[in-house]
PDB file of all heavy atoms in Angstrom:
ATOM      1  N   THR A   1     141.917 148.461 171.069  1.00  0.00           N
ATOM      2  CA  THR A   1     141.275 149.163 172.206  1.00  0.00           C
ATOM      3  C   THR A   1     141.376 150.677 171.983  1.00  0.00           C
ATOM      4  O   THR A   1     140.463 151.481 172.089  1.00  0.00           O
ATOM      5  CB  THR A   1     141.831 148.818 173.525  1.00  0.00           C
ATOM      6  OG1 THR A   1     141.690 147.391 173.741  1.00  0.00           O
ATOM      7  CG2 THR A   1     141.240 149.515 174.647  1.00  0.00           C
ATOM      8  N   ASP A   2     142.663 151.152 171.610  1.00  0.00           N
ATOM      9  CA  ASP A   2     142.819 152.550 171.351  1.00  0.00           C
ATOM     10  C   ASP A   2     142.020 153.057 170.240  1.00  0.00           C
ATOM     11  O   ASP A   2     141.455 154.184 170.264  1.00  0.00           O
ATOM     12  CB  ASP A   2     144.317 152.778 171.067  1.00  0.00           C
ATOM     13  CG  ASP A   2     145.171 152.639 172.297  1.00  0.00           C
ATOM     14  OD1 ASP A   2     144.623 152.599 173.441  1.00  0.00           O
ATOM     15  OD2 ASP A   2     146.398 152.463 172.186  1.00  0.00           O
ATOM     16  N   ALA A   3     141.861 152.211 169.107  1.00  0.00           N
ATOM     17  CA  ALA A   3     141.126 152.677 167.887  1.00  0.00           C
ATOM     18  C   ALA A   3     139.675 152.552 168.084  1.00  0.00           C
ATOM     19  O   ALA A   3     138.938 153.159 167.331  1.00  0.00           O
ATOM     20  CB  ALA A   3     141.614 151.879 166.707  1.00  0.00           C
ATOM     21  N   LEU A   4     139.161 151.762 169.115  1.00  0.00           N
ATOM     22  CA  LEU A   4     137.762 151.500 169.156  1.00  0.00           C
ATOM     23  C   LEU A   4     136.983 152.766 169.513  1.00  0.00           C
ATOM     24  O   LEU A   4     135.870 152.959 168.993  1.00  0.00           O
ATOM     25  CB  LEU A   4     137.517 150.438 170.261  1.00  0.00           C
ATOM     26  CG  LEU A   4     136.045 149.951 170.460  1.00  0.00           C
ATOM     27  CD1 LEU A   4     135.613 149.345 169.150  1.00  0.00           C
ATOM     28  CD2 LEU A   4     135.992 148.989 171.639  1.00  0.00           C
ATOM     29  N   ASP A   5     137.447 153.612 170.402  1.00  0.00           N
ATOM     30  CA  ASP A   5     136.696 154.789 170.775  1.00  0.00           C
ATOM     31  C   ASP A   5     137.007 156.076 169.942  1.00  0.00           C
ATOM     32  O   ASP A   5     136.550 157.118 170.294  1.00  0.00           O
ATOM     33  CB  ASP A   5     136.971 155.073 172.270  1.00  0.00           C
ATOM     34  CG  ASP A   5     136.518 153.991 173.192  1.00  0.00           C
ATOM     35  OD1 ASP A   5     135.569 153.246 172.793  1.00  0.00           O
ATOM     36  OD2 ASP A   5     137.143 153.769 174.188  1.00  0.00           O
ATOM     37  N   LEU A   6     137.802 155.938 168.931  1.00  0.00           N
ATOM     38  CA  LEU A   6     138.152 157.171 168.128  1.00  0.00           C
ATOM     39  C   LEU A   6     136.931 157.645 167.363  1.00  0.00           C
ATOM     40  O   LEU A   6     136.120 156.893 166.842  1.00  0.00           O
ATOM     41  CB  LEU A   6     139.276 156.767 167.215  1.00  0.00           C
ATOM     42  CG  LEU A   6     140.653 156.440 167.768  1.00  0.00           C
ATOM     43  CD1 LEU A   6     141.627 156.065 166.673  1.00  0.00           C
ATOM     44  CD2 LEU A   6     141.119 157.586 168.575  1.00  0.00           C
ATOM     45  N   LEU A   7     136.790 158.997 167.319  1.00  0.00           N
ATOM     46  CA  LEU A   7     135.585 159.628 166.632  1.00  0.00           C
ATOM     47  C   LEU A   7     136.117 160.809 165.829  1.00  0.00           C
ATOM     48  O   LEU A   7     136.624 161.793 166.391  1.00  0.00           O
ATOM     49  CB  LEU A   7     134.519 160.095 167.629  1.00  0.00           C
ATOM     50  CG  LEU A   7     133.306 160.798 166.981  1.00  0.00           C
ATOM     51  CD1 LEU A   7     132.546 159.786 166.134  1.00  0.00           C
ATOM     52  CD2 LEU A   7     132.436 161.341 168.112  1.00  0.00           C
ATOM     53  N   ASP A   8     136.004 160.758 164.498  1.00  0.00           N
ATOM     54  CA  ASP A   8     136.483 161.842 163.643  1.00  0.00           C
ATOM     55  C   ASP A   8     135.505 163.028 163.722  1.00  0.00           C
ATOM     56  O   ASP A   8     134.230 162.854 163.798  1.00  0.00           O
ATOM     57  CB  ASP A   8     136.546 161.421 162.152  1.00  0.00           C
ATOM     58  CG  ASP A   8     137.726 160.500 161.929  1.00  0.00           C
ATOM     59  OD1 ASP A   8     138.601 160.476 162.824  1.00  0.00           O
ATOM     60  OD2 ASP A   8     137.753 159.783 160.858  1.00  0.00           O
ATOM     61  N   GLN A   9     136.040 164.245 163.728  1.00  0.00           N
ATOM     62  CA  GLN A   9     135.203 165.450 163.784  1.00  0.00           C
ATOM     63  C   GLN A   9     135.015 166.040 162.340  1.00  0.00           C
ATOM     64  O   GLN A   9     135.867 165.904 161.466  1.00  0.00           O
ATOM     65  CB  GLN A   9     135.888 166.602 164.638  1.00  0.00           C
ATOM     66  CG  GLN A   9     136.059 166.143 166.073  1.00  0.00           C
ATOM     67  CD  GLN A   9     136.669 167.363 166.878  1.00  0.00           C
ATOM     68  OE1 GLN A   9     136.524 168.425 166.568  1.00  0.00           O
ATOM     69  NE2 GLN A   9     137.421 166.921 167.915  1.00  0.00           N
ATOM     70  N   SER A  10     133.874 166.644 162.067  1.00  0.00           N
ATOM     71  CA  SER A  10     133.520 167.173 160.794  1.00  0.00           C
ATOM     72  C   SER A  10     133.998 168.660 160.679  1.00  0.00           C
ATOM     73  O   SER A  10     133.863 169.380 161.576  1.00  0.00           O
ATOM     74  CB  SER A  10     132.065 167.094 160.576  1.00  0.00           C
ATOM     75  OG  SER A  10     131.695 167.731 159.335  1.00  0.00           O
ATOM     76  N   THR A  11     134.515 168.916 159.492  1.00  0.00           N
ATOM     77  CA  THR A  11     134.846 170.415 159.189  1.00  0.00           C
ATOM     78  C   THR A  11     133.784 171.018 158.404  1.00  0.00           C
ATOM     79  O   THR A  11     134.053 172.188 157.850  1.00  0.00           O
ATOM     80  CB  THR A  11     136.191 170.405 158.450  1.00  0.00           C
ATOM     81  OG1 THR A  11     136.063 169.748 157.108  1.00  0.00           O
ATOM     82  CG2 THR A  11     137.311 169.796 159.273  1.00  0.00           C
ATOM     83  N   GLU A  12     132.722 170.408 158.132  1.00  0.00           N
ATOM     84  CA  GLU A  12     131.708 170.904 157.322  1.00  0.00           C
ATOM     85  C   GLU A  12     131.189 172.301 157.753  1.00  0.00           C
ATOM     86  O   GLU A  12     131.014 173.227 156.954  1.00  0.00           O
ATOM     87  CB  GLU A  12     130.551 169.982 157.218  1.00  0.00           C
ATOM     88  CG  GLU A  12     129.399 170.420 156.271  1.00  0.00           C
ATOM     89  CD  GLU A  12     128.250 169.457 156.139  1.00  0.00           C
ATOM     90  OE1 GLU A  12     128.339 168.313 156.749  1.00  0.00           O
ATOM     91  OE2 GLU A  12     127.274 169.800 155.503  1.00  0.00           O
ATOM     92  N   GLU A  13     130.977 172.452 159.040  1.00  0.00           N
ATOM     93  CA  GLU A  13     130.424 173.701 159.530  1.00  0.00           C
ATOM     94  C   GLU A  13     131.406 174.855 159.412  1.00  0.00           C
ATOM     95  O   GLU A  13     131.058 175.899 159.073  1.00  0.00           O
ATOM     96  CB  GLU A  13     130.047 173.505 161.017  1.00  0.00           C
ATOM     97  CG  GLU A  13     129.418 174.782 161.650  1.00  0.00           C
ATOM     98  CD  GLU A  13     128.942 174.609 163.154  1.00  0.00           C
ATOM     99  OE1 GLU A  13     129.047 173.458 163.577  1.00  0.00           O
ATOM    100  OE2 GLU A  13     128.514 175.577 163.696  1.00  0.00           O
ATOM    101  N   LEU A  14     132.711 174.454 159.691  1.00  0.00           N
ATOM    102  CA  LEU A  14     133.738 175.501 159.523  1.00  0.00           C
ATOM    103  C   LEU A  14     133.856 175.956 158.117  1.00  0.00           C
ATOM    104  O   LEU A  14     134.043 177.164 157.771  1.00  0.00           O
ATOM    105  CB  LEU A  14     135.108 174.986 160.031  1.00  0.00           C
ATOM    106  CG  LEU A  14     135.239 174.823 161.502  1.00  0.00           C
ATOM    107  CD1 LEU A  14     136.568 174.109 161.848  1.00  0.00           C
ATOM    108  CD2 LEU A  14     135.189 176.109 162.171  1.00  0.00           C
ATOM    109  N   GLU A  15     133.777 175.007 157.164  1.00  0.00           N
ATOM    110  CA  GLU A  15     133.877 175.315 155.758  1.00  0.00           C
ATOM    111  C   GLU A  15     132.667 176.229 155.377  1.00  0.00           C
ATOM    112  O   GLU A  15     132.805 177.171 154.558  1.00  0.00           O
ATOM    113  CB  GLU A  15     133.832 174.068 154.930  1.00  0.00           C
ATOM    114  CG  GLU A  15     135.131 173.262 155.096  1.00  0.00           C
ATOM    115  CD  GLU A  15     135.014 171.944 154.401  1.00  0.00           C
ATOM    116  OE1 GLU A  15     134.023 171.597 153.899  1.00  0.00           O
ATOM    117  OE2 GLU A  15     136.056 171.164 154.358  1.00  0.00           O
ATOM    118  N   LYS A  16     131.479 175.941 155.943  1.00  0.00           N
ATOM    119  CA  LYS A  16     130.318 176.771 155.702  1.00  0.00           C
ATOM    120  C   LYS A  16     130.554 178.255 156.228  1.00  0.00           C
ATOM    121  O   LYS A  16     130.222 179.213 155.595  1.00  0.00           O
ATOM    122  CB  LYS A  16     129.102 176.199 156.270  1.00  0.00           C
ATOM    123  CG  LYS A  16     127.775 176.980 156.092  1.00  0.00           C
ATOM    124  CD  LYS A  16     126.633 176.328 156.641  1.00  0.00           C
ATOM    125  CE  LYS A  16     125.341 177.214 156.407  1.00  0.00           C
ATOM    126  NZ  LYS A  16     125.463 178.487 156.989  1.00  0.00           N
ATOM    127  N   ASN A  17     131.109 178.273 157.427  1.00  0.00           N
ATOM    128  CA  ASN A  17     131.362 179.623 158.043  1.00  0.00           C
ATOM    129  C   ASN A  17     132.350 180.381 157.274  1.00  0.00           C
ATOM    130  O   ASN A  17     132.193 181.590 157.101  1.00  0.00           O
ATOM    131  CB  ASN A  17     131.872 179.453 159.495  1.00  0.00           C
ATOM    132  CG  ASN A  17     130.802 178.889 160.461  1.00  0.00           C
ATOM    133  OD1 ASN A  17     129.598 178.995 160.123  1.00  0.00           O
ATOM    134  ND2 ASN A  17     131.193 178.359 161.514  1.00  0.00           N
ATOM    135  N   LEU A  18     133.411 179.719 156.772  1.00  0.00           N
ATOM    136  CA  LEU A  18     134.350 180.383 155.895  1.00  0.00           C
ATOM    137  C   LEU A  18     133.627 180.915 154.589  1.00  0.00           C
ATOM    138  O   LEU A  18     133.991 182.042 154.159  1.00  0.00           O
ATOM    139  CB  LEU A  18     135.556 179.467 155.444  1.00  0.00           C
ATOM    140  CG  LEU A  18     136.520 179.156 156.601  1.00  0.00           C
ATOM    141  CD1 LEU A  18     137.466 177.974 156.171  1.00  0.00           C
ATOM    142  CD2 LEU A  18     137.329 180.396 156.943  1.00  0.00           C
ATOM    143  N   ALA A  19     132.840 180.121 154.002  1.00  0.00           N
ATOM    144  CA  ALA A  19     132.113 180.584 152.814  1.00  0.00           C
ATOM    145  C   ALA A  19     131.213 181.839 153.207  1.00  0.00           C
ATOM    146  O   ALA A  19     131.083 182.778 152.399  1.00  0.00           O
ATOM    147  CB  ALA A  19     131.331 179.422 152.278  1.00  0.00           C
ATOM    148  N   ASP A  20     130.565 181.751 154.372  1.00  0.00           N
ATOM    149  CA  ASP A  20     129.707 182.918 154.802  1.00  0.00           C
ATOM    150  C   ASP A  20     130.557 184.132 155.006  1.00  0.00           C
ATOM    151  O   ASP A  20     130.051 185.235 154.617  1.00  0.00           O
ATOM    152  CB  ASP A  20     128.971 182.540 156.112  1.00  0.00           C
ATOM    153  CG  ASP A  20     127.898 181.424 155.853  1.00  0.00           C
ATOM    154  OD1 ASP A  20     127.566 181.212 154.721  1.00  0.00           O
ATOM    155  OD2 ASP A  20     127.557 180.860 156.854  1.00  0.00           O
ATOM    156  N   ILE A  21     131.727 183.935 155.569  1.00  0.00           N
ATOM    157  CA  ILE A  21     132.594 185.137 155.767  1.00  0.00           C
ATOM    158  C   ILE A  21     132.925 185.811 154.339  1.00  0.00           C
ATOM    159  O   ILE A  21     132.892 187.027 154.314  1.00  0.00           O
ATOM    160  CB  ILE A  21     133.863 184.763 156.536  1.00  0.00           C
ATOM    161  CG1 ILE A  21     133.521 184.538 158.022  1.00  0.00           C
ATOM    162  CG2 ILE A  21     134.984 185.859 156.381  1.00  0.00           C
ATOM    163  CD1 ILE A  21     134.720 184.045 158.804  1.00  0.00           C
ATOM    164  N   GLU A  22     133.303 184.987 153.506  1.00  0.00           N
ATOM    165  CA  GLU A  22     133.672 185.576 152.176  1.00  0.00           C
ATOM    166  C   GLU A  22     132.499 186.304 151.540  1.00  0.00           C
ATOM    167  O   GLU A  22     132.668 187.361 150.940  1.00  0.00           O
ATOM    168  CB  GLU A  22     134.096 184.433 151.229  1.00  0.00           C
ATOM    169  CG  GLU A  22     134.631 184.893 149.855  1.00  0.00           C
ATOM    170  CD  GLU A  22     135.763 185.937 150.001  1.00  0.00           C
ATOM    171  OE1 GLU A  22     136.567 185.874 150.966  1.00  0.00           O
ATOM    172  OE2 GLU A  22     135.771 186.858 149.157  1.00  0.00           O
ATOM    173  N   GLU A  23     131.332 185.812 151.625  1.00  0.00           N
ATOM    174  CA  GLU A  23     130.169 186.377 151.083  1.00  0.00           C
ATOM    175  C   GLU A  23     129.850 187.680 151.804  1.00  0.00           C
ATOM    176  O   GLU A  23     129.496 188.739 151.162  1.00  0.00           O
ATOM    177  CB  GLU A  23     128.934 185.484 151.177  1.00  0.00           C
ATOM    178  CG  GLU A  23     127.578 186.056 150.751  1.00  0.00           C
ATOM    179  CD  GLU A  23     127.588 186.569 149.293  1.00  0.00           C
ATOM    180  OE1 GLU A  23     128.411 185.991 148.521  1.00  0.00           O
ATOM    181  OE2 GLU A  23     126.716 187.356 148.975  1.00  0.00           O
ATOM    182  N   THR A  24     130.008 187.609 153.210  1.00  0.00           N
ATOM    183  CA  THR A  24     129.769 188.869 153.961  1.00  0.00           C
ATOM    184  C   THR A  24     130.798 189.950 153.641  1.00  0.00           C
ATOM    185  O   THR A  24     130.424 191.158 153.408  1.00  0.00           O
ATOM    186  CB  THR A  24     129.911 188.502 155.403  1.00  0.00           C
ATOM    187  OG1 THR A  24     128.851 187.634 155.797  1.00  0.00           O
ATOM    188  CG2 THR A  24     129.689 189.816 156.308  1.00  0.00           C
ATOM    189  N   ASN A  25     132.122 189.512 153.460  1.00  0.00           N
ATOM    190  CA  ASN A  25     133.109 190.494 153.129  1.00  0.00           C
ATOM    191  C   ASN A  25     132.896 191.075 151.697  1.00  0.00           C
ATOM    192  O   ASN A  25     133.207 192.203 151.440  1.00  0.00           O
ATOM    193  CB  ASN A  25     134.519 189.821 153.178  1.00  0.00           C
ATOM    194  CG  ASN A  25     134.964 189.599 154.633  1.00  0.00           C
ATOM    195  OD1 ASN A  25     134.422 190.262 155.554  1.00  0.00           O
ATOM    196  ND2 ASN A  25     135.986 188.782 154.829  1.00  0.00           N
ATOM    197  N   ARG A  26     132.297 190.277 150.810  1.00  0.00           N
ATOM    198  CA  ARG A  26     131.997 190.760 149.440  1.00  0.00           C
ATOM    199  C   ARG A  26     131.027 191.926 149.516  1.00  0.00           C
ATOM    200  O   ARG A  26     131.184 192.988 148.877  1.00  0.00           O
ATOM    201  CB  ARG A  26     131.492 189.611 148.589  1.00  0.00           C
ATOM    202  CG  ARG A  26     131.243 190.107 147.174  1.00  0.00           C
ATOM    203  CD  ARG A  26     130.544 188.986 146.334  1.00  0.00           C
ATOM    204  NE  ARG A  26     129.140 188.747 146.913  1.00  0.00           N
ATOM    205  CZ  ARG A  26     128.112 189.451 146.569  1.00  0.00           C
ATOM    206  NH1 ARG A  26     128.276 190.541 145.716  1.00  0.00           N
ATOM    207  NH2 ARG A  26     126.911 189.237 147.013  1.00  0.00           N
ATOM    208  N   LYS A  27     130.024 191.695 150.403  1.00  0.00           N
ATOM    209  CA  LYS A  27     129.050 192.767 150.565  1.00  0.00           C
ATOM    210  C   LYS A  27     129.620 194.016 151.231  1.00  0.00           C
ATOM    211  O   LYS A  27     129.301 195.131 150.931  1.00  0.00           O
ATOM    212  CB  LYS A  27     127.888 192.230 151.459  1.00  0.00           C
ATOM    213  CG  LYS A  27     127.029 191.109 150.817  1.00  0.00           C
ATOM    214  CD  LYS A  27     125.942 190.643 151.675  1.00  0.00           C
ATOM    215  CE  LYS A  27     125.056 189.590 151.012  1.00  0.00           C
ATOM    216  NZ  LYS A  27     123.965 189.113 151.919  1.00  0.00           N
ATOM    217  N   VAL A  28     130.531 193.798 152.273  1.00  0.00           N
ATOM    218  CA  VAL A  28     131.164 194.896 152.911  1.00  0.00           C
ATOM    219  C   VAL A  28     131.984 195.696 151.926  1.00  0.00           C
ATOM    220  O   VAL A  28     131.931 196.972 151.985  1.00  0.00           O
ATOM    221  CB  VAL A  28     132.020 194.387 154.134  1.00  0.00           C
ATOM    222  CG1 VAL A  28     132.853 195.504 154.703  1.00  0.00           C
ATOM    223  CG2 VAL A  28     131.161 193.755 155.204  1.00  0.00           C
ATOM    224  N   ARG A  29     132.765 194.950 151.143  1.00  0.00           N
ATOM    225  CA  ARG A  29     133.571 195.716 150.145  1.00  0.00           C
ATOM    226  C   ARG A  29     132.675 196.484 149.198  1.00  0.00           C
ATOM    227  O   ARG A  29     132.976 197.617 148.774  1.00  0.00           O
ATOM    228  CB  ARG A  29     134.389 194.650 149.325  1.00  0.00           C
ATOM    229  CG  ARG A  29     135.515 194.017 150.118  1.00  0.00           C
ATOM    230  CD  ARG A  29     136.407 193.219 149.221  1.00  0.00           C
ATOM    231  NE  ARG A  29     137.319 192.420 150.042  1.00  0.00           N
ATOM    232  CZ  ARG A  29     137.151 191.161 150.315  1.00  0.00           C
ATOM    233  NH1 ARG A  29     136.033 190.477 149.865  1.00  0.00           N
ATOM    234  NH2 ARG A  29     138.142 190.474 151.082  1.00  0.00           N
ATOM    235  N   ALA A  30     131.544 195.877 148.698  1.00  0.00           N
ATOM    236  CA  ALA A  30     130.614 196.599 147.866  1.00  0.00           C
ATOM    237  C   ALA A  30     130.109 197.876 148.546  1.00  0.00           C
ATOM    238  O   ALA A  30     129.969 198.964 147.945  1.00  0.00           O
ATOM    239  CB  ALA A  30     129.417 195.728 147.464  1.00  0.00           C
ATOM    240  N   ASN A  31     129.741 197.785 149.825  1.00  0.00           N
ATOM    241  CA  ASN A  31     129.261 198.919 150.593  1.00  0.00           C
ATOM    242  C   ASN A  31     130.286 200.038 150.653  1.00  0.00           C
ATOM    243  O   ASN A  31     130.036 201.221 150.623  1.00  0.00           O
ATOM    244  CB  ASN A  31     128.739 198.527 151.970  1.00  0.00           C
ATOM    245  CG  ASN A  31     127.491 197.702 151.889  1.00  0.00           C
ATOM    246  OD1 ASN A  31     126.876 197.585 150.764  1.00  0.00           O
ATOM    247  ND2 ASN A  31     127.000 197.190 152.975  1.00  0.00           N
ATOM    248  N   LEU A  32     131.563 199.596 151.034  1.00  0.00           N
ATOM    249  CA  LEU A  32     132.710 200.530 151.102  1.00  0.00           C
ATOM    250  C   LEU A  32     132.941 201.194 149.784  1.00  0.00           C
ATOM    251  O   LEU A  32     133.226 202.434 149.788  1.00  0.00           O
ATOM    252  CB  LEU A  32     133.995 199.806 151.570  1.00  0.00           C
ATOM    253  CG  LEU A  32     133.850 199.279 153.045  1.00  0.00           C
ATOM    254  CD1 LEU A  32     135.153 198.453 153.332  1.00  0.00           C
ATOM    255  CD2 LEU A  32     133.772 200.443 154.029  1.00  0.00           C
ATOM    256  N   ASP A  33     132.857 200.473 148.656  1.00  0.00           N
ATOM    257  CA  ASP A  33     133.055 201.117 147.354  1.00  0.00           C
ATOM    258  C   ASP A  33     131.987 202.172 147.106  1.00  0.00           C
ATOM    259  O   ASP A  33     132.277 203.210 146.573  1.00  0.00           O
ATOM    260  CB  ASP A  33     133.017 200.010 146.279  1.00  0.00           C
ATOM    261  CG  ASP A  33     134.233 199.146 146.281  1.00  0.00           C
ATOM    262  OD1 ASP A  33     135.288 199.549 146.907  1.00  0.00           O
ATOM    263  OD2 ASP A  33     134.222 198.033 145.628  1.00  0.00           O
ATOM    264  N   LYS A  34     130.758 201.862 147.410  1.00  0.00           N
ATOM    265  CA  LYS A  34     129.593 202.729 147.175  1.00  0.00           C
ATOM    266  C   LYS A  34     129.743 204.032 148.084  1.00  0.00           C
ATOM    267  O   LYS A  34     129.609 205.174 147.584  1.00  0.00           O
ATOM    268  CB  LYS A  34     128.313 202.051 147.580  1.00  0.00           C
ATOM    269  CG  LYS A  34     127.090 202.990 147.250  1.00  0.00           C
ATOM    270  CD  LYS A  34     125.742 202.219 147.552  1.00  0.00           C
ATOM    271  CE  LYS A  34     124.550 203.044 147.278  1.00  0.00           C
ATOM    272  NZ  LYS A  34     124.431 203.443 145.771  1.00  0.00           N
ATOM    273  N   GLN A  35     130.153 203.800 149.328  1.00  0.00           N
ATOM    274  CA  GLN A  35     130.428 204.960 150.201  1.00  0.00           C
ATOM    275  C   GLN A  35     131.553 205.841 149.716  1.00  0.00           C
ATOM    276  O   GLN A  35     131.475 207.096 149.752  1.00  0.00           O
ATOM    277  CB  GLN A  35     130.645 204.490 151.641  1.00  0.00           C
ATOM    278  CG  GLN A  35     129.446 203.824 152.315  1.00  0.00           C
ATOM    279  CD  GLN A  35     129.756 203.101 153.574  1.00  0.00           C
ATOM    280  OE1 GLN A  35     130.963 203.086 154.024  1.00  0.00           O
ATOM    281  NE2 GLN A  35     128.880 202.463 154.250  1.00  0.00           N
ATOM    282  N   LYS A  36     132.592 205.146 149.228  1.00  0.00           N
ATOM    283  CA  LYS A  36     133.761 205.954 148.696  1.00  0.00           C
ATOM    284  C   LYS A  36     133.303 206.776 147.465  1.00  0.00           C
ATOM    285  O   LYS A  36     133.667 207.910 147.293  1.00  0.00           O
ATOM    286  CB  LYS A  36     134.797 205.004 148.319  1.00  0.00           C
ATOM    287  CG  LYS A  36     136.123 205.690 147.698  1.00  0.00           C
ATOM    288  CD  LYS A  36     136.760 206.607 148.669  1.00  0.00           C
ATOM    289  CE  LYS A  36     138.133 206.985 148.230  1.00  0.00           C
ATOM    290  NZ  LYS A  36     138.209 207.671 146.936  1.00  0.00           N
ATOM    291  N   ALA A  37     132.515 206.102 146.601  1.00  0.00           N
ATOM    292  CA  ALA A  37     132.105 206.794 145.413  1.00  0.00           C
ATOM    293  C   ALA A  37     131.154 208.028 145.724  1.00  0.00           C
ATOM    294  O   ALA A  37     131.330 209.073 145.134  1.00  0.00           O
ATOM    295  CB  ALA A  37     131.287 205.789 144.511  1.00  0.00           C
ATOM    296  N   GLU A  38     130.285 207.824 146.775  1.00  0.00           N
ATOM    297  CA  GLU A  38     129.424 208.917 147.157  1.00  0.00           C
ATOM    298  C   GLU A  38     130.244 210.030 147.786  1.00  0.00           C
ATOM    299  O   GLU A  38     129.959 211.233 147.546  1.00  0.00           O
ATOM    300  CB  GLU A  38     128.397 208.385 148.133  1.00  0.00           C
ATOM    301  CG  GLU A  38     127.369 207.470 147.507  1.00  0.00           C
ATOM    302  CD  GLU A  38     126.435 206.831 148.595  1.00  0.00           C
ATOM    303  OE1 GLU A  38     126.807 206.893 149.772  1.00  0.00           O
ATOM    304  OE2 GLU A  38     125.375 206.338 148.218  1.00  0.00           O
ATOM    305  N   GLU A  39     131.279 209.656 148.495  1.00  0.00           N
ATOM    306  CA  GLU A  39     132.137 210.717 149.136  1.00  0.00           C
ATOM    307  C   GLU A  39     132.914 211.528 148.073  1.00  0.00           C
ATOM    308  O   GLU A  39     133.039 212.722 148.088  1.00  0.00           O
ATOM    309  CB  GLU A  39     133.080 210.108 150.163  1.00  0.00           C
ATOM    310  CG  GLU A  39     134.054 211.073 150.847  1.00  0.00           C
ATOM    311  CD  GLU A  39     133.323 212.049 151.733  1.00  0.00           C
ATOM    312  OE1 GLU A  39     132.173 211.701 152.181  1.00  0.00           O
ATOM    313  OE2 GLU A  39     133.790 213.140 151.896  1.00  0.00           O
ATOM    314  N   ASP A  40     133.407 210.721 147.044  1.00  0.00           N
ATOM    315  CA  ASP A  40     134.146 211.392 145.894  1.00  0.00           C
ATOM    316  C   ASP A  40     133.252 212.322 145.214  1.00  0.00           C
ATOM    317  O   ASP A  40     133.603 213.480 144.828  1.00  0.00           O
ATOM    318  CB  ASP A  40     134.651 210.344 144.934  1.00  0.00           C
ATOM    319  CG  ASP A  40     135.886 209.568 145.486  1.00  0.00           C
ATOM    320  OD1 ASP A  40     136.379 210.023 146.529  1.00  0.00           O
ATOM    321  OD2 ASP A  40     136.239 208.495 144.930  1.00  0.00           O
ATOM    322  N   ALA A  41     132.000 211.898 144.882  1.00  0.00           N
ATOM    323  CA  ALA A  41     131.056 212.769 144.230  1.00  0.00           C
ATOM    324  C   ALA A  41     130.751 214.022 145.068  1.00  0.00           C
ATOM    325  O   ALA A  41     130.640 215.119 144.492  1.00  0.00           O
ATOM    326  CB  ALA A  41     129.718 211.989 143.920  1.00  0.00           C
ATOM    327  N   LYS A  42     130.621 213.851 146.368  1.00  0.00           N
ATOM    328  CA  LYS A  42     130.289 215.025 147.178  1.00  0.00           C
ATOM    329  C   LYS A  42     131.483 215.949 147.170  1.00  0.00           C
ATOM    330  O   LYS A  42     131.257 217.237 147.071  1.00  0.00           O
ATOM    331  CB  LYS A  42     130.091 214.440 148.653  1.00  0.00           C
ATOM    332  CG  LYS A  42     129.785 215.603 149.653  1.00  0.00           C
ATOM    333  CD  LYS A  42     129.640 215.058 151.023  1.00  0.00           C
ATOM    334  CE  LYS A  42     129.461 216.169 152.085  1.00  0.00           C
ATOM    335  NZ  LYS A  42     129.334 215.665 153.446  1.00  0.00           N
ATOM    336  N   GLN A  43     132.690 215.501 147.315  1.00  0.00           N
ATOM    337  CA  GLN A  43     133.851 216.351 147.244  1.00  0.00           C
ATOM    338  C   GLN A  43     133.984 217.096 145.943  1.00  0.00           C
ATOM    339  O   GLN A  43     134.251 218.368 145.957  1.00  0.00           O
ATOM    340  CB  GLN A  43     135.144 215.553 147.491  1.00  0.00           C
ATOM    341  CG  GLN A  43     135.210 215.030 148.951  1.00  0.00           C
ATOM    342  CD  GLN A  43     136.485 214.230 149.147  1.00  0.00           C
ATOM    343  OE1 GLN A  43     137.292 214.067 148.194  1.00  0.00           O
ATOM    344  NE2 GLN A  43     136.700 213.687 150.341  1.00  0.00           N
ATOM    345  N   TYR A  44     133.740 216.511 144.848  1.00  0.00           N
ATOM    346  CA  TYR A  44     133.882 217.138 143.527  1.00  0.00           C
ATOM    347  C   TYR A  44     132.691 218.161 143.346  1.00  0.00           C
ATOM    348  O   TYR A  44     132.873 219.223 142.823  1.00  0.00           O
ATOM    349  CB  TYR A  44     133.844 216.112 142.403  1.00  0.00           C
ATOM    350  CG  TYR A  44     135.186 215.533 142.099  1.00  0.00           C
ATOM    351  CD1 TYR A  44     135.508 214.302 142.590  1.00  0.00           C
ATOM    352  CD2 TYR A  44     136.144 216.258 141.474  1.00  0.00           C
ATOM    353  CE1 TYR A  44     136.733 213.750 142.377  1.00  0.00           C
ATOM    354  CE2 TYR A  44     137.460 215.712 141.148  1.00  0.00           C
ATOM    355  CZ  TYR A  44     137.716 214.473 141.675  1.00  0.00           C
ATOM    356  OH  TYR A  44     138.947 213.913 141.402  1.00  0.00           O
TER     357      TYR A  44
END
């Protein structure tokens, strides 16, 4: 009876969200690197 109504939840969406975060952060890091390089060039 206890096991009859059990329903496993999927982590697929969370895994997808984690992958999306990493891709987004990769873009953010790239943008930060470009902004830093432009600021360095301006200062020099």
